[in-house]
Amino acid sequence: MVGNDIVDIKETKRSSSKTSDSKTIGWERPGFIDKLFTPKEQGLITASKDKFTTVWKMWSMKESAYKVFIQAGGERFFNPRKIECSLEDLENGKVKIDSLILKTKTRINENYIFSTSTSSNSEIETSIFKLPENDIHQQSVFIRQELIKDFSKINNLDADDLEIRKTESGVPLLYFKDEVLNVSISMTHHGKFGGYSFEFYSKEIILKTI
């Protein structure tokens, strides 16, 4: 299974700036760090030379891992401190949610922070792009279209036969001719950037039972 999350750096900095009356909003406001991060994670933030990047890197790791947790059948919750990150190097890390331990990879550049989490060693196919629309709904539509287009090319399938549907718990599934495929997919967008990831459960596309 795979989950992903993206943070638009400029959008996050814009929304985290001070108001005209000098009140701090965003991640620097009092209580924000305590609410979202465990004592261990707060130690990593304090020791970091770039606290902004460390905060939002771990946030994207948490969000991507949470998506895998839900795919695995976990119940939805909002308690970010229940999800704990550990950093191995600039790119690799791990996230623990209850008994679930996931491996993460994070890409960071001047535009975005993008993380993927996975529960296996399978190869993950990922694409990240600038979005042509500002409307959130249209962004979601565009990402779905890109995933289907690229997936169909990679696997020599007719894109018209592919469709993304969500389960009652909000997990996206990829269908081919009304049969769900044995592939895990995840989509994300924030600000002007979005992306998708998918992971095959095996080298061949095997229909999975749900």
Protein backbone atom coordinates (compact mmCIF):
# COMPACT_ATOMS: atom_id res chain seq x y z
CA MET A 1 0.00 0.00 0.00
CA VAL A 2 1.08 3.56 -0.67
CA GLY A 3 0.10 7.00 0.58
CA ASN A 4 1.37 10.43 -0.37
CA ASP A 5 1.16 14.10 0.58
CA ILE A 6 2.42 17.36 -0.86
CA VAL A 7 3.06 20.77 0.72
CA ASP A 8 3.27 23.85 -1.50
CA ILE A 9 6.08 25.80 0.17
CA LYS A 10 5.13 29.29 -1.07
CA GLU A 11 1.47 28.77 -0.18
CA THR A 12 2.40 27.50 3.29
CA LYS A 13 4.74 30.44 3.92
CA ARG A 14 2.06 32.85 2.69
CA SER A 15 -0.59 31.40 5.00
CA SER A 16 1.90 31.28 7.89
CA SER A 17 2.89 34.96 7.74
CA LYS A 18 2.04 37.46 10.48
CA THR A 19 -1.18 39.45 10.34
CA SER A 20 -1.23 43.25 10.20
CA ASP A 21 -1.52 43.46 13.99
CA SER A 22 1.64 41.31 14.34
CA LYS A 23 -0.23 38.24 15.57
CA THR A 24 1.51 35.04 14.52
CA ILE A 25 -0.53 32.55 12.51
CA GLY A 26 0.36 29.21 10.99
CA TRP A 27 2.92 26.80 12.39
CA GLU A 28 4.66 29.36 14.63
CA ARG A 29 1.57 30.22 16.63
CA PRO A 30 1.57 29.12 20.29
CA GLY A 31 0.46 25.54 20.80
CA PHE A 32 0.73 24.45 17.16
CA ILE A 33 3.86 22.33 17.59
CA ASP A 34 2.64 20.80 20.85
CA LYS A 35 -0.67 19.82 19.24
CA LEU A 36 0.82 18.09 16.20
CA PHE A 37 4.17 16.65 17.26
CA THR A 38 5.36 14.23 19.93
CA PRO A 39 8.16 15.20 22.36
CA LYS A 40 10.62 13.19 20.24
CA GLU A 41 9.55 15.04 17.08
CA GLN A 42 9.70 18.38 18.86
CA GLY A 43 13.30 17.59 19.72
CA LEU A 44 14.06 17.09 16.02
CA ILE A 45 12.42 20.43 15.21
CA THR A 46 14.33 22.27 17.95
CA ALA A 47 17.65 20.81 16.79
CA SER A 48 16.98 21.57 13.13
CA LYS A 49 18.70 24.43 11.32
CA ASP A 50 15.61 24.81 9.14
CA LYS A 51 12.62 24.44 11.44
CA PHE A 52 10.08 25.34 8.76
CA THR A 53 11.21 22.53 6.47
CA THR A 54 11.46 20.01 9.31
CA VAL A 55 7.94 20.82 10.51
CA TRP A 56 6.33 20.45 7.11
CA LYS A 57 8.46 17.47 6.11
CA MET A 58 7.23 15.54 9.14
CA TRP A 59 3.69 16.77 8.57
CA SER A 60 3.75 15.40 5.00
CA MET A 61 5.18 12.12 6.32
CA LYS A 62 2.34 11.89 8.84
CA GLU A 63 -0.32 12.64 6.23
CA SER A 64 1.05 10.12 3.74
CA ALA A 65 1.29 7.44 6.43
CA TYR A 66 -2.24 8.15 7.62
CA LYS A 67 -3.53 7.36 4.13
CA VAL A 68 -1.86 3.93 4.28
CA PHE A 69 -3.30 3.38 7.75
CA ILE A 70 -6.82 4.00 6.43
CA GLN A 71 -6.20 1.74 3.41
CA ALA A 72 -5.13 -0.99 5.83
CA GLY A 73 -8.52 -0.80 7.55
CA GLY A 74 -7.71 1.57 10.41
CA GLU A 75 -10.41 3.82 11.84
CA ARG A 76 -10.20 7.53 11.07
CA PHE A 77 -8.94 9.83 13.83
CA PHE A 78 -7.49 13.29 14.26
CA ASN A 79 -4.61 13.07 16.68
CA PRO A 80 -1.35 13.82 14.83
CA ARG A 81 0.67 12.99 17.96
CA LYS A 82 -0.52 9.39 17.57
CA ILE A 83 1.62 9.29 14.42
CA GLU A 84 5.35 9.50 15.17
CA CYS A 85 8.11 10.20 12.66
CA SER A 86 11.78 9.27 12.78
CA LEU A 87 14.31 10.68 10.29
CA GLU A 88 17.10 8.55 8.84
CA ASP A 89 18.51 11.10 6.38
CA LEU A 90 17.29 13.93 4.15
CA GLU A 91 15.16 11.55 2.05
CA ASN A 92 14.34 8.48 4.11
CA GLY A 93 12.41 8.05 7.31
CA LYS A 94 9.89 5.90 9.17
CA VAL A 95 6.46 6.53 10.61
CA LYS A 96 4.77 4.56 13.38
CA ILE A 97 0.98 4.45 13.82
CA ASP A 98 -0.02 2.00 16.54
CA SER A 99 1.64 -1.28 15.48
CA LEU A 100 2.02 -0.18 11.85
CA ILE A 101 5.54 0.89 10.84
CA LEU A 102 5.93 2.48 7.41
CA LYS A 103 8.90 3.54 5.33
CA THR A 104 8.86 7.05 3.88
CA LYS A 105 10.67 8.94 1.15
CA THR A 106 10.56 12.73 0.90
CA ARG A 107 11.49 15.01 -1.98
CA ILE A 108 12.20 18.65 -1.14
CA ASN A 109 12.89 21.52 -3.52
CA GLU A 110 12.13 25.24 -3.65
CA ASN A 111 8.53 24.56 -4.70
CA TYR A 112 7.24 21.71 -2.60
CA ILE A 113 7.74 18.97 -0.03
CA PHE A 114 6.43 15.61 -1.24
CA SER A 115 6.34 12.42 0.84
CA THR A 116 5.34 8.84 0.14
CA SER A 117 4.75 6.10 2.70
CA THR A 118 4.65 2.41 1.98
CA SER A 119 4.24 -0.84 3.85
CA SER A 120 6.27 -2.91 1.39
CA ASN A 121 9.37 -2.93 -0.80
CA SER A 122 7.40 -2.78 -4.03
CA GLU A 123 8.30 -0.20 -6.66
CA ILE A 124 6.26 3.01 -6.46
CA GLU A 125 5.35 4.99 -9.57
CA THR A 126 5.02 8.71 -8.80
CA SER A 127 4.38 11.86 -10.78
CA ILE A 128 4.41 15.44 -9.44
CA PHE A 129 3.26 18.43 -11.46
CA LYS A 130 2.15 22.05 -11.38
CA LEU A 131 -1.61 22.28 -11.50
CA PRO A 132 -3.32 24.28 -14.26
CA GLU A 133 -6.32 25.23 -12.10
CA ASN A 134 -6.76 27.00 -8.77
CA ASP A 135 -10.16 25.47 -8.06
CA ILE A 136 -9.76 22.56 -5.64
CA HIS A 137 -12.38 20.41 -7.37
CA GLN A 138 -10.80 20.95 -10.78
CA GLN A 139 -7.39 20.10 -9.31
CA SER A 140 -8.74 16.76 -8.09
CA VAL A 141 -10.24 16.03 -11.51
CA PHE A 142 -6.95 16.86 -13.24
CA ILE A 143 -4.91 14.57 -10.97
CA ARG A 144 -7.33 11.68 -11.55
CA GLN A 145 -7.08 12.21 -15.30
CA GLU A 146 -3.28 12.26 -15.19
CA LEU A 147 -3.13 9.07 -13.12
CA ILE A 148 -5.49 7.22 -15.45
CA LYS A 149 -3.69 8.49 -18.57
CA ASP A 150 -0.25 7.45 -17.34
CA PHE A 151 -1.42 4.15 -15.84
CA SER A 152 -3.09 3.19 -19.11
CA LYS A 153 0.08 3.92 -21.10
CA ILE A 154 2.34 1.98 -18.73
CA ASN A 155 0.06 -1.07 -18.76
CA ASN A 156 -1.21 -0.89 -22.37
CA LEU A 157 -4.81 -0.40 -21.32
CA ASP A 158 -7.56 1.76 -22.78
CA ALA A 159 -7.93 4.82 -20.55
CA ASP A 160 -11.69 4.84 -21.22
CA ASP A 161 -11.94 1.48 -19.41
CA LEU A 162 -10.29 2.85 -16.25
CA GLU A 163 -12.11 4.64 -13.44
CA ILE A 164 -11.26 5.78 -9.92
CA ARG A 165 -13.89 5.21 -7.25
CA LYS A 166 -13.75 5.75 -3.50
CA THR A 167 -14.84 3.35 -0.80
CA GLU A 168 -17.14 4.42 2.04
CA SER A 169 -14.03 5.18 4.10
CA GLY A 170 -12.67 7.42 1.35
CA VAL A 171 -9.98 5.08 -0.01
CA PRO A 172 -9.48 5.50 -3.78
CA LEU A 173 -9.54 2.32 -5.87
CA LEU A 174 -8.70 1.91 -9.54
CA TYR A 175 -11.19 -0.05 -11.65
CA PHE A 176 -10.80 -1.64 -15.07
CA LYS A 177 -14.12 -2.47 -16.75
CA ASP A 178 -15.90 -2.41 -13.37
CA GLU A 179 -13.35 -4.76 -11.76
CA VAL A 180 -11.07 -3.37 -9.04
CA LEU A 181 -7.37 -3.72 -9.82
CA ASN A 182 -4.76 -5.07 -7.46
CA VAL A 183 -2.96 -1.75 -7.17
CA SER A 184 -2.76 0.85 -4.41
CA ILE A 185 -3.20 4.48 -5.48
CA SER A 186 -2.87 7.81 -3.67
CA MET A 187 -3.44 11.39 -4.83
CA THR A 188 -2.57 14.72 -3.24
CA HIS A 189 -2.66 18.44 -3.99
CA HIS A 190 -1.93 21.69 -2.18
CA GLY A 191 -1.61 25.20 -3.53
CA LYS A 192 -0.29 25.04 -7.09
CA PHE A 193 1.14 21.51 -6.96
CA GLY A 194 -0.24 18.00 -7.01
CA GLY A 195 0.77 14.44 -7.67
CA TYR A 196 -0.13 10.80 -7.60
CA SER A 197 1.54 7.55 -6.59
CA PHE A 198 0.64 3.97 -7.30
CA GLU A 199 2.09 0.67 -6.20
CA PHE A 200 1.43 -2.76 -7.67
CA TYR A 201 0.81 -5.57 -5.23
CA SER A 202 2.51 -7.81 -7.81
CA LYS A 203 4.21 -7.38 -11.18
CA GLU A 204 0.99 -8.25 -13.00
CA ILE A 205 -2.32 -6.50 -12.61
CA ILE A 206 -4.38 -9.00 -10.65
CA LEU A 207 -7.98 -8.20 -9.81
CA LYS A 208 -8.47 -7.95 -6.11
CA THR A 209 -11.54 -8.92 -4.14
CA ILE A 210 -13.18 -6.31 -1.93
